[in-house]
Amino acid sequence: MSSCHYQRVAGKLFVVGTPIGNLGDMTQRAVETLAGVDLVAAEDTRRSGRLLDGLGIRKPLISLFEGNERERTPELLARLREGKNIGLVTDGGMPSVSDPGFRLVRACAEEGIDVRVVPGPSAAIAALVVSGLPTDRFVFEGFLPRKQGERERRLADLAGDRRTLILFESPLRVQILLRDALVAFGDRQMVIARELTKLHEEVIRGSVSEVLSKLGDAELKGEVVVVVHGAEEAVHDLEACIEEARELLAEGLKKRDAAHAVAERHGVSANDIYQALLDDHVPTAKGKANHP
């Protein structure tokens, strides 16, 4: 009688999109998937626990967030090798898109473990669609660096990109981001989408300076997505560049800084723009002469 060796079949990882606000956006397939897995890896076990309770699902939960993903991934891989099926969720939207999950998905792919995706809401795509800005080509940059110098360099790198730009930002730093974007990009059209699909959903449209004016000093609350129009064809007309620099002066920039920002964007002479601004004697937004 020949011996038979049993080899356990690895489980599957299911990457499950969950609502970004409105619980009615939970898909039937997502519900069935979470009901069928052996355990759920969640960014916040308390929050996901409430979601599962509301769906009538009882499953073991294990935390997987930014601070422990590197250490927790080998443990989850071991469970998958044992034949366990795991559902991966975050606090809202698609896992691994500016959320935990990338390391685990990559480790599964490298090891040949089956990864299935259960698509769901995405704040980035929802904001792009509602923005009214071009959707044929876009780039998702997520959260920019918090340090000002690093953030300014990243924005400078993106200034010439003609694709629509999608950013995530803390509501506490939106005005700072917009002021930096005004310098790096000029006064482009943009949209702030806040609390999408939730009770206090708000969409603010306009040029960067107009949106800054609408926001004023108000402190935003909730989750924020910033969508910015891509770069237009390079402007080589000096008068148009001078006018663009004047708009920066109105936002409080010094003449020399405004001239260099516009010149770098359009490849024209900073000295020519600066000299024109000196000849203008343009006042600042506060009505005082703008110093060089």
Protein backbone atom coordinates (compact mmCIF):
# COMPACT_ATOMS: atom_id res chain seq x y z
CA MET A 1 0.00 0.00 0.00
CA SER A 2 1.58 3.27 -1.10
CA SER A 3 1.75 6.14 1.31
CA CYS A 4 -0.09 9.35 0.49
CA HIS A 5 1.37 12.72 1.43
CA TYR A 6 -1.11 15.47 2.16
CA GLN A 7 -0.03 18.96 1.12
CA ARG A 8 -2.03 21.84 2.53
CA VAL A 9 -3.27 24.33 -0.09
CA ALA A 10 -2.49 27.95 0.74
CA GLY A 11 -5.37 30.25 1.48
CA LYS A 12 -6.31 33.38 -0.42
CA LEU A 13 -5.93 37.05 0.47
CA PHE A 14 -9.01 39.11 -0.38
CA VAL A 15 -8.39 42.86 -0.67
CA VAL A 16 -11.79 44.33 0.11
CA GLY A 17 -12.90 47.90 -0.53
CA THR A 18 -15.16 49.38 2.16
CA PRO A 19 -17.26 52.58 2.26
CA ILE A 20 -15.48 55.92 2.63
CA GLY A 21 -18.50 57.31 4.44
CA ASN A 22 -21.94 56.12 3.37
CA LEU A 23 -22.44 52.52 4.54
CA GLY A 24 -24.87 52.00 1.68
CA ASP A 25 -21.84 51.82 -0.63
CA MET A 26 -20.84 48.42 0.78
CA THR A 27 -21.19 45.95 -2.08
CA GLN A 28 -22.95 42.61 -1.80
CA ARG A 29 -19.80 40.84 -2.92
CA ALA A 30 -17.77 42.58 -0.20
CA VAL A 31 -20.28 41.43 2.42
CA GLU A 32 -20.23 37.85 1.14
CA THR A 33 -16.43 37.82 0.99
CA LEU A 34 -15.96 39.04 4.56
CA ALA A 35 -18.58 36.57 5.75
CA GLY A 36 -16.65 33.73 4.09
CA VAL A 37 -13.04 34.40 5.18
CA ASP A 38 -11.41 32.89 8.28
CA LEU A 39 -10.17 36.18 9.70
CA VAL A 40 -10.03 39.88 8.85
CA ALA A 41 -6.90 42.04 8.91
CA ALA A 42 -8.04 45.59 9.68
CA GLU A 43 -6.39 49.00 9.98
CA ASP A 44 -8.50 49.72 13.08
CA THR A 45 -10.06 46.61 14.60
CA ARG A 46 -12.57 48.66 16.59
CA ARG A 47 -13.85 50.54 13.57
CA SER A 48 -13.94 47.47 11.34
CA GLY A 49 -15.50 45.52 14.19
CA ARG A 50 -18.42 47.95 14.23
CA LEU A 51 -18.78 47.61 10.46
CA LEU A 52 -18.86 43.83 10.68
CA ASP A 53 -21.30 43.91 13.59
CA GLY A 54 -23.62 46.10 11.54
CA LEU A 55 -23.48 43.52 8.76
CA GLY A 56 -24.14 40.65 11.14
CA ILE A 57 -20.67 39.15 10.57
CA ARG A 58 -18.62 37.62 13.39
CA LYS A 59 -14.96 37.07 12.50
CA PRO A 60 -11.63 37.14 14.35
CA LEU A 61 -9.90 40.50 13.76
CA ILE A 62 -6.18 41.21 13.64
CA SER A 63 -4.71 44.70 13.38
CA LEU A 64 -2.67 45.76 10.34
CA PHE A 65 -1.80 49.44 10.34
CA GLU A 66 1.12 51.57 9.20
CA GLY A 67 3.02 51.15 12.45
CA ASN A 68 2.94 47.33 12.55
CA GLU A 69 2.52 46.24 8.91
CA ARG A 70 6.16 45.29 8.47
CA GLU A 71 6.14 43.06 11.58
CA ARG A 72 2.61 41.70 11.12
CA THR A 73 3.03 40.63 7.46
CA PRO A 74 5.06 37.43 8.22
CA GLU A 75 2.40 36.35 10.72
CA LEU A 76 -0.38 36.78 8.17
CA LEU A 77 1.68 34.96 5.55
CA ALA A 78 2.00 32.04 7.93
CA ARG A 79 -1.80 31.95 8.36
CA LEU A 80 -2.24 31.98 4.57
CA ARG A 81 0.25 29.11 4.17
CA GLU A 82 -1.82 27.12 6.67
CA GLY A 83 -4.79 27.44 4.31
CA LYS A 84 -6.58 30.33 6.02
CA ASN A 85 -8.45 32.82 3.88
CA ILE A 86 -7.91 36.42 5.00
CA GLY A 87 -9.91 39.54 4.25
CA LEU A 88 -7.92 42.80 4.19
CA VAL A 89 -9.76 46.05 4.96
CA THR A 90 -8.88 49.57 6.02
CA ASP A 91 -10.90 52.33 7.70
CA GLY A 92 -12.44 53.19 4.33
CA GLY A 93 -11.74 52.84 0.63
CA MET A 94 -9.29 50.49 -1.06
CA PRO A 95 -6.47 49.00 1.04
CA SER A 96 -2.89 49.95 0.05
CA VAL A 97 -3.95 53.23 -1.63
CA SER A 98 -2.37 55.62 0.92
CA ASP A 99 -3.48 52.99 3.43
CA PRO A 100 -1.91 49.81 4.85
CA GLY A 101 -1.82 46.66 2.74
CA PHE A 102 0.88 47.19 0.12
CA ARG A 103 3.56 45.16 1.95
CA LEU A 104 1.21 42.24 2.54
CA VAL A 105 -0.03 42.17 -1.07
CA ARG A 106 3.53 42.36 -2.38
CA ALA A 107 4.68 39.55 -0.06
CA CYS A 108 1.80 37.34 -1.23
CA ALA A 109 2.59 38.06 -4.88
CA GLU A 110 6.27 37.19 -4.35
CA GLU A 111 5.35 33.93 -2.64
CA GLY A 112 2.73 32.92 -5.19
CA ILE A 113 -0.21 33.19 -2.78
CA ASP A 114 -3.47 33.99 -4.55
CA VAL A 115 -4.61 37.61 -4.12
CA ARG A 116 -8.16 38.56 -5.09
CA VAL A 117 -9.52 42.11 -5.18
CA VAL A 118 -13.08 43.03 -4.24
CA PRO A 119 -13.36 46.58 -5.64
CA GLY A 120 -15.07 49.27 -3.66
CA PRO A 121 -15.16 53.04 -3.10
CA SER A 122 -12.04 55.16 -3.55
CA ALA A 123 -11.84 58.73 -2.26
CA ALA A 124 -9.27 59.61 -4.94
CA ILE A 125 -11.43 58.46 -7.86
CA ALA A 126 -14.64 59.84 -6.34
CA ALA A 127 -13.03 63.29 -5.97
CA LEU A 128 -11.66 63.19 -9.53
CA VAL A 129 -15.07 62.33 -10.98
CA VAL A 130 -16.93 65.02 -9.04
CA SER A 131 -14.26 67.67 -9.70
CA GLY A 132 -15.23 68.37 -13.29
CA LEU A 133 -11.52 68.51 -14.19
CA PRO A 134 -10.10 66.34 -17.02
CA THR A 135 -10.30 62.62 -16.24
CA ASP A 136 -8.63 61.18 -19.34
CA ARG A 137 -5.15 61.38 -17.78
CA PHE A 138 -4.45 61.84 -14.08
CA VAL A 139 -1.79 61.15 -11.46
CA PHE A 140 -2.34 60.23 -7.81
CA GLU A 141 0.32 61.62 -5.46
CA GLY A 142 -1.36 60.86 -2.14
CA PHE A 143 0.04 62.83 0.81
CA LEU A 144 2.88 65.23 0.02
CA PRO A 145 5.82 65.56 2.44
CA ARG A 146 4.96 67.53 5.57
CA LYS A 147 8.29 69.40 5.68
CA GLN A 148 7.97 72.61 3.71
CA GLY A 149 11.20 72.29 1.73
CA GLU A 150 10.45 68.72 0.67
CA ARG A 151 6.86 69.62 -0.20
CA GLU A 152 7.96 72.58 -2.32
CA ARG A 153 10.44 70.41 -4.22
CA ARG A 154 7.77 67.78 -4.91
CA LEU A 155 5.36 70.45 -6.18
CA ALA A 156 8.09 71.91 -8.38
CA ASP A 157 8.63 68.45 -9.88
CA LEU A 158 4.91 68.20 -10.63
CA ALA A 159 4.51 71.71 -12.04
CA GLY A 160 5.03 70.68 -15.66
CA ASP A 161 2.86 67.55 -15.53
CA ARG A 162 -0.14 67.98 -17.83
CA ARG A 163 -2.19 65.31 -16.09
CA THR A 164 -4.83 66.15 -13.48
CA LEU A 165 -3.25 65.90 -10.03
CA ILE A 166 -4.94 64.16 -7.09
CA LEU A 167 -3.65 64.77 -3.55
CA PHE A 168 -4.68 63.79 -0.04
CA GLU A 169 -4.16 66.37 2.69
CA SER A 170 -4.89 66.88 6.36
CA PRO A 171 -7.68 69.45 6.85
CA LEU A 172 -5.28 71.36 9.13
CA ARG A 173 -2.75 71.90 6.31
CA VAL A 174 -4.93 72.55 3.27
CA GLN A 175 -4.34 76.32 3.19
CA ILE A 176 -0.58 75.79 3.45
CA LEU A 177 -0.68 73.33 0.56
CA LEU A 178 -2.68 75.73 -1.60
CA ARG A 179 -0.32 78.64 -0.99
CA ASP A 180 2.62 76.45 -1.97
CA ALA A 181 0.69 75.20 -5.02
CA LEU A 182 -0.05 78.77 -6.09
CA VAL A 183 3.67 79.51 -6.16
CA ALA A 184 4.62 76.23 -7.88
CA PHE A 185 1.72 75.93 -10.35
CA GLY A 186 0.27 79.39 -10.79
CA ASP A 187 -3.44 80.13 -10.42
CA ARG A 188 -4.85 76.94 -11.94
CA GLN A 189 -8.34 75.56 -11.61
CA MET A 190 -8.73 73.17 -8.70
CA VAL A 191 -11.25 71.47 -6.43
CA ILE A 192 -11.36 70.61 -2.75
CA ALA A 193 -13.62 67.61 -2.03
CA ARG A 194 -14.37 67.15 1.65
CA GLU A 195 -16.20 64.38 3.51
CA LEU A 196 -17.32 62.67 0.30
CA THR A 197 -20.47 60.52 0.63
CA LYS A 198 -20.94 61.71 4.23
CA LEU A 199 -23.54 64.01 5.77
CA HIS A 200 -21.43 67.17 5.45
CA GLU A 201 -20.06 66.48 1.95
CA GLU A 202 -18.67 69.64 0.37
CA VAL A 203 -17.06 70.41 -3.00
CA ILE A 204 -15.27 73.76 -3.44
CA ARG A 205 -14.31 74.77 -6.99
CA GLY A 206 -12.34 77.65 -8.46
CA SER A 207 -8.81 78.82 -9.15
CA VAL A 208 -6.27 78.25 -6.39
CA SER A 209 -6.55 81.89 -5.26
CA GLU A 210 -10.35 81.76 -5.37
CA VAL A 211 -10.46 78.60 -3.26
CA LEU A 212 -8.04 80.17 -0.78
CA SER A 213 -10.34 83.18 -0.56
CA LYS A 214 -13.39 80.98 -0.02
CA LEU A 215 -11.65 79.05 2.75
CA GLY A 216 -10.31 82.14 4.50
CA ASP A 217 -9.06 81.21 7.95
CA ALA A 218 -11.71 78.55 8.46
CA GLU A 219 -10.46 75.28 9.93
CA LEU A 220 -11.67 72.42 7.79
CA LYS A 221 -12.81 69.15 9.29
CA GLY A 222 -12.97 65.63 7.95
CA GLU A 223 -11.16 63.90 5.11
CA VAL A 224 -9.96 66.11 2.26
CA VAL A 225 -8.99 65.37 -1.36
CA VAL A 226 -7.38 68.09 -3.48
CA VAL A 227 -7.69 67.88 -7.28
CA VAL A 228 -5.64 70.28 -9.44
CA HIS A 229 -5.78 70.91 -13.19
CA GLY A 230 -2.68 69.77 -15.05
CA ALA A 231 -0.18 72.15 -16.65
CA GLU A 232 -1.22 73.97 -19.79
CA GLU A 233 1.01 74.52 -22.81
CA ALA A 234 4.04 76.56 -21.79
CA VAL A 235 3.40 80.30 -21.83
CA HIS A 236 6.17 82.21 -23.57
CA ASP A 237 4.46 85.60 -23.80
CA LEU A 238 6.28 87.91 -21.39
CA GLU A 239 3.21 90.04 -20.69
CA ALA A 240 1.24 86.94 -19.68
CA CYS A 241 4.08 85.91 -17.38
CA ILE A 242 4.20 89.36 -15.80
CA GLU A 243 0.45 89.20 -15.17
CA GLU A 244 0.87 85.79 -13.55
CA ALA A 245 3.58 87.22 -11.29
CA ARG A 246 1.24 90.08 -10.31
CA GLU A 247 -1.29 87.49 -9.12
CA LEU A 248 1.37 86.04 -6.84
CA LEU A 249 2.09 89.53 -5.47
CA ALA A 250 -1.57 89.84 -4.56
CA GLU A 251 -1.16 86.72 -2.44
CA GLY A 252 1.70 88.31 -0.51
CA LEU A 253 4.83 87.07 -2.27
CA LYS A 254 7.80 89.39 -2.69
CA LYS A 255 8.51 90.61 -6.20
CA ARG A 256 11.78 88.73 -6.59
CA ASP A 257 10.22 85.45 -5.40
CA ALA A 258 7.22 85.89 -7.69
CA ALA A 259 9.46 86.64 -10.68
CA HIS A 260 11.61 83.57 -10.10
CA ALA A 261 8.58 81.29 -9.54
CA VAL A 262 6.95 82.33 -12.83
CA ALA A 263 10.23 82.32 -14.77
CA GLU A 264 11.02 78.79 -13.64
CA ARG A 265 7.57 77.62 -14.67
CA HIS A 266 7.65 79.09 -18.16
CA GLY A 267 11.30 79.32 -19.09
CA VAL A 268 11.45 83.10 -19.44
CA SER A 269 13.78 85.68 -17.93
CA ALA A 270 13.24 86.27 -14.22
CA ASN A 271 15.02 89.62 -14.53
CA ASP A 272 12.57 90.83 -17.19
CA ILE A 273 9.61 89.93 -15.01
CA TYR A 274 11.22 91.42 -11.91
CA GLN A 275 11.98 94.69 -13.68
CA ALA A 276 8.39 94.95 -14.89
CA LEU A 277 7.15 94.41 -11.33
CA LEU A 278 9.47 97.12 -10.05
CA ASP A 279 8.05 99.50 -12.66
CA ASP A 280 4.48 98.61 -11.56
CA HIS A 281 4.71 99.67 -7.92
CA VAL A 282 2.04 97.01 -7.35
CA PRO A 283 0.50 97.06 -3.84
CA THR A 284 0.09 93.90 -1.83
CA ALA A 285 -3.28 92.42 -0.84
CA LYS A 286 -3.08 94.54 2.34
CA GLY A 287 -2.61 97.73 0.34
CA LYS A 288 1.03 98.28 1.25
CA ALA A 289 3.91 98.49 -1.20
CA ASN A 290 5.38 95.07 -1.93
CA HIS A 291 9.07 95.03 -1.13
CA PRO A 292 11.57 93.50 -3.56
